[in-house]
Amino acid sequence: MNQKFLRILFFVIFNVFLFLTLTLNINFLYLTLNLLIIFFLYEIYLSNKKNNETFEKIQNLNKENDINYLPASEHPIIKAAKNRLKN
């Protein structure tokens, strides 16, 4: 919801600045272009954040199934050795 609100707010403000640039003064073009660049950087940040979260989820799924990431006490060879020592 927050991202949608920020996008809508950006488009409203961007349109206002664009209108002011065309009607009143060309100096508003600087603000308009800076706002556009900031918006693009924000969108890139959000897409990278989303990609990193999915990448971490995939890594965690692989770690749970991979034997190399188990603690030493949970390793099958060590479990078998403990069982042999108990008997």
N, C-alpha and C. Protein backbone atom coordinates (compact mmCIF):
# COMPACT_ATOMS: atom_id res chain seq x y z
N MET A 1 0.83 -1.19 0.00
CA MET A 1 0.00 0.00 0.00
C MET A 1 0.87 1.26 0.00
N ASN A 2 1.95 1.23 0.76
CA ASN A 2 2.82 2.38 0.86
C ASN A 2 3.47 2.70 -0.48
N GLN A 3 3.88 1.67 -1.22
CA GLN A 3 4.51 1.89 -2.51
C GLN A 3 3.53 2.47 -3.52
N LYS A 4 2.29 1.99 -3.49
CA LYS A 4 1.28 2.53 -4.41
C LYS A 4 0.99 3.99 -4.10
N PHE A 5 0.92 4.30 -2.81
CA PHE A 5 0.67 5.68 -2.42
C PHE A 5 1.80 6.60 -2.89
N LEU A 6 3.04 6.16 -2.70
CA LEU A 6 4.18 6.98 -3.13
C LEU A 6 4.20 7.16 -4.64
N ARG A 7 3.83 6.14 -5.37
CA ARG A 7 3.80 6.26 -6.84
C ARG A 7 2.72 7.24 -7.29
N ILE A 8 1.55 7.14 -6.68
CA ILE A 8 0.47 8.07 -7.04
C ILE A 8 0.86 9.50 -6.67
N LEU A 9 1.45 9.66 -5.49
CA LEU A 9 1.91 10.98 -5.07
C LEU A 9 2.96 11.53 -6.03
N PHE A 10 3.87 10.68 -6.47
CA PHE A 10 4.87 11.11 -7.43
C PHE A 10 4.22 11.61 -8.72
N PHE A 11 3.28 10.85 -9.25
CA PHE A 11 2.66 11.25 -10.51
C PHE A 11 1.88 12.56 -10.37
N VAL A 12 1.26 12.78 -9.24
CA VAL A 12 0.54 14.04 -9.03
C VAL A 12 1.53 15.20 -8.98
N ILE A 13 2.57 15.06 -8.19
CA ILE A 13 3.55 16.14 -8.06
C ILE A 13 4.29 16.36 -9.39
N PHE A 14 4.61 15.26 -10.05
CA PHE A 14 5.30 15.38 -11.34
C PHE A 14 4.45 16.12 -12.35
N ASN A 15 3.17 15.83 -12.40
CA ASN A 15 2.28 16.53 -13.33
C ASN A 15 2.15 18.01 -12.97
N VAL A 16 2.12 18.32 -11.69
CA VAL A 16 2.05 19.73 -11.28
C VAL A 16 3.31 20.46 -11.73
N PHE A 17 4.46 19.87 -11.48
CA PHE A 17 5.71 20.52 -11.89
C PHE A 17 5.80 20.64 -13.41
N LEU A 18 5.35 19.63 -14.10
CA LEU A 18 5.37 19.68 -15.55
C LEU A 18 4.45 20.79 -16.07
N PHE A 19 3.29 20.92 -15.47
CA PHE A 19 2.37 21.99 -15.85
C PHE A 19 2.99 23.37 -15.57
N LEU A 20 3.61 23.51 -14.39
CA LEU A 20 4.24 24.78 -14.05
C LEU A 20 5.40 25.10 -14.99
N THR A 21 6.11 24.09 -15.41
CA THR A 21 7.21 24.29 -16.35
C THR A 21 6.70 24.82 -17.68
N LEU A 22 5.61 24.24 -18.15
CA LEU A 22 5.09 24.63 -19.46
C LEU A 22 4.37 25.98 -19.44
N THR A 23 3.75 26.32 -18.34
CA THR A 23 2.94 27.54 -18.31
C THR A 23 3.67 28.74 -17.72
N LEU A 24 4.36 28.54 -16.61
CA LEU A 24 4.93 29.70 -15.92
C LEU A 24 6.39 29.98 -16.28
N ASN A 25 7.23 29.04 -15.92
CA ASN A 25 8.65 29.33 -16.00
C ASN A 25 9.41 28.05 -16.32
N ILE A 26 10.45 28.16 -17.10
CA ILE A 26 11.25 27.00 -17.48
C ILE A 26 12.11 26.52 -16.31
N ASN A 27 12.27 27.34 -15.27
CA ASN A 27 13.10 26.96 -14.13
C ASN A 27 12.51 25.77 -13.35
N PHE A 28 11.24 25.51 -13.50
CA PHE A 28 10.64 24.36 -12.84
C PHE A 28 11.07 23.04 -13.50
N LEU A 29 11.66 23.14 -14.65
CA LEU A 29 12.14 21.95 -15.34
C LEU A 29 13.23 21.24 -14.53
N TYR A 30 14.05 22.01 -13.85
CA TYR A 30 15.10 21.44 -13.00
C TYR A 30 14.48 20.56 -11.90
N LEU A 31 13.49 21.07 -11.22
CA LEU A 31 12.80 20.30 -10.18
C LEU A 31 12.11 19.07 -10.77
N THR A 32 11.52 19.25 -11.93
CA THR A 32 10.81 18.15 -12.57
C THR A 32 11.76 17.02 -12.93
N LEU A 33 12.87 17.34 -13.52
CA LEU A 33 13.83 16.31 -13.91
C LEU A 33 14.47 15.65 -12.69
N ASN A 34 14.75 16.44 -11.66
CA ASN A 34 15.30 15.85 -10.43
C ASN A 34 14.30 14.91 -9.77
N LEU A 35 13.07 15.27 -9.77
CA LEU A 35 12.04 14.41 -9.21
C LEU A 35 11.92 13.11 -10.01
N LEU A 36 12.02 13.22 -11.31
CA LEU A 36 11.97 12.03 -12.16
C LEU A 36 13.17 11.11 -11.90
N ILE A 37 14.34 11.67 -11.75
CA ILE A 37 15.54 10.87 -11.47
C ILE A 37 15.43 10.20 -10.10
N ILE A 38 14.95 10.91 -9.11
CA ILE A 38 14.76 10.33 -7.78
C ILE A 38 13.76 9.18 -7.83
N PHE A 39 12.71 9.36 -8.60
CA PHE A 39 11.72 8.29 -8.72
C PHE A 39 12.32 7.05 -9.37
N PHE A 40 13.11 7.23 -10.40
CA PHE A 40 13.75 6.09 -11.05
C PHE A 40 14.70 5.37 -10.10
N LEU A 41 15.47 6.13 -9.34
CA LEU A 41 16.37 5.52 -8.37
C LEU A 41 15.59 4.76 -7.29
N TYR A 42 14.47 5.30 -6.86
CA TYR A 42 13.63 4.63 -5.87
C TYR A 42 13.08 3.32 -6.43
N GLU A 43 12.64 3.33 -7.68
CA GLU A 43 12.13 2.11 -8.30
C GLU A 43 13.22 1.06 -8.46
N ILE A 44 14.42 1.48 -8.81
CA ILE A 44 15.54 0.54 -8.90
C ILE A 44 15.84 -0.05 -7.54
N TYR A 45 15.82 0.79 -6.51
CA TYR A 45 16.05 0.30 -5.15
C TYR A 45 15.00 -0.74 -4.75
N LEU A 46 13.74 -0.48 -5.05
CA LEU A 46 12.69 -1.43 -4.71
C LEU A 46 12.83 -2.74 -5.47
N SER A 47 13.18 -2.67 -6.73
CA SER A 47 13.33 -3.90 -7.51
C SER A 47 14.52 -4.72 -7.00
N ASN A 48 15.63 -4.05 -6.64
CA ASN A 48 16.78 -4.77 -6.09
C ASN A 48 16.46 -5.40 -4.75
N LYS A 49 15.71 -4.68 -3.93
CA LYS A 49 15.32 -5.20 -2.63
C LYS A 49 14.45 -6.44 -2.78
N LYS A 50 13.54 -6.40 -3.72
CA LYS A 50 12.66 -7.54 -3.98
C LYS A 50 13.45 -8.73 -4.50
N ASN A 51 14.39 -8.48 -5.41
CA ASN A 51 15.23 -9.56 -5.95
C ASN A 51 16.11 -10.18 -4.87
N ASN A 52 16.66 -9.35 -3.97
CA ASN A 52 17.50 -9.87 -2.89
C ASN A 52 16.69 -10.74 -1.93
N GLU A 53 15.45 -10.34 -1.64
CA GLU A 53 14.62 -11.14 -0.74
C GLU A 53 14.31 -12.50 -1.34
N THR A 54 13.99 -12.54 -2.63
CA THR A 54 13.70 -13.83 -3.26
C THR A 54 14.97 -14.67 -3.34
N PHE A 55 16.12 -14.05 -3.59
CA PHE A 55 17.37 -14.77 -3.64
C PHE A 55 17.70 -15.39 -2.28
N GLU A 56 17.47 -14.63 -1.20
CA GLU A 56 17.73 -15.15 0.14
C GLU A 56 16.79 -16.29 0.48
N LYS A 57 15.54 -16.20 0.05
CA LYS A 57 14.60 -17.30 0.29
C LYS A 57 15.05 -18.57 -0.41
N ILE A 58 15.53 -18.42 -1.64
CA ILE A 58 16.00 -19.59 -2.39
C ILE A 58 17.25 -20.17 -1.72
N GLN A 59 18.14 -19.32 -1.25
CA GLN A 59 19.34 -19.80 -0.57
C GLN A 59 18.98 -20.54 0.70
N ASN A 60 18.02 -20.02 1.47
CA ASN A 60 17.63 -20.68 2.71
C ASN A 60 16.99 -22.04 2.44
N LEU A 61 16.23 -22.15 1.38
CA LEU A 61 15.65 -23.44 1.03
C LEU A 61 16.74 -24.45 0.69
N ASN A 62 17.77 -24.00 -0.01
CA ASN A 62 18.87 -24.88 -0.37
C ASN A 62 19.69 -25.27 0.86
N LYS A 63 19.85 -24.35 1.81
CA LYS A 63 20.63 -24.65 3.01
C LYS A 63 19.96 -25.71 3.87
N GLU A 64 18.63 -25.68 3.93
CA GLU A 64 17.93 -26.65 4.76
C GLU A 64 18.10 -28.07 4.23
N ASN A 65 18.19 -28.23 2.93
CA ASN A 65 18.30 -29.54 2.33
C ASN A 65 19.75 -29.98 2.11
N ASP A 66 20.69 -29.09 2.25
CA ASP A 66 22.09 -29.41 1.98
C ASP A 66 22.75 -29.92 3.24
N ILE A 67 23.47 -31.00 3.15
CA ILE A 67 24.10 -31.64 4.31
C ILE A 67 25.27 -30.82 4.83
N ASN A 68 25.87 -29.99 4.02
CA ASN A 68 27.04 -29.21 4.44
C ASN A 68 26.67 -28.10 5.43
N TYR A 69 25.41 -27.73 5.48
CA TYR A 69 24.99 -26.64 6.38
C TYR A 69 24.41 -27.16 7.68
N LEU A 70 24.41 -28.47 7.90
CA LEU A 70 23.92 -29.03 9.15
C LEU A 70 24.98 -28.84 10.24
N PRO A 71 24.55 -28.67 11.50
CA PRO A 71 25.54 -28.63 12.58
C PRO A 71 26.20 -30.00 12.73
N ALA A 72 27.33 -30.03 13.37
CA ALA A 72 28.10 -31.27 13.46
C ALA A 72 27.32 -32.38 14.17
N SER A 73 26.54 -32.01 15.17
CA SER A 73 25.80 -33.03 15.92
C SER A 73 24.68 -33.66 15.08
N GLU A 74 24.25 -32.98 14.04
CA GLU A 74 23.17 -33.49 13.20
C GLU A 74 23.68 -34.22 11.95
N HIS A 75 24.97 -34.26 11.77
CA HIS A 75 25.53 -34.92 10.59
C HIS A 75 25.31 -36.43 10.69
N PRO A 76 24.90 -37.08 9.60
CA PRO A 76 24.59 -38.51 9.66
C PRO A 76 25.76 -39.40 10.08
N ILE A 77 26.96 -39.06 9.70
CA ILE A 77 28.12 -39.88 10.07
C ILE A 77 28.38 -39.78 11.57
N ILE A 78 28.26 -38.59 12.12
CA ILE A 78 28.47 -38.41 13.56
C ILE A 78 27.35 -39.08 14.34
N LYS A 79 26.13 -39.01 13.85
CA LYS A 79 25.02 -39.70 14.51
C LYS A 79 25.25 -41.20 14.54
N ALA A 80 25.72 -41.75 13.44
CA ALA A 80 26.00 -43.18 13.37
C ALA A 80 27.12 -43.58 14.34
N ALA A 81 28.15 -42.72 14.44
CA ALA A 81 29.26 -43.01 15.35
C ALA A 81 28.78 -42.98 16.80
N LYS A 82 27.92 -42.01 17.14
CA LYS A 82 27.37 -41.95 18.50
C LYS A 82 26.56 -43.18 18.81
N ASN A 83 25.75 -43.62 17.87
CA ASN A 83 24.96 -44.83 18.08
C ASN A 83 25.85 -46.05 18.29
N ARG A 84 26.95 -46.16 17.54
CA ARG A 84 27.87 -47.29 17.70
C ARG A 84 28.56 -47.24 19.07
N LEU A 85 28.89 -46.04 19.53
CA LEU A 85 29.56 -45.92 20.84
C LEU A 85 28.59 -46.24 21.98
N LYS A 86 27.32 -45.91 21.80
CA LYS A 86 26.34 -46.24 22.84
C LYS A 86 26.16 -47.74 22.95
N ASN A 87 26.22 -48.44 21.85
CA ASN A 87 26.01 -49.91 21.85
C ASN A 87 27.29 -50.55 22.17
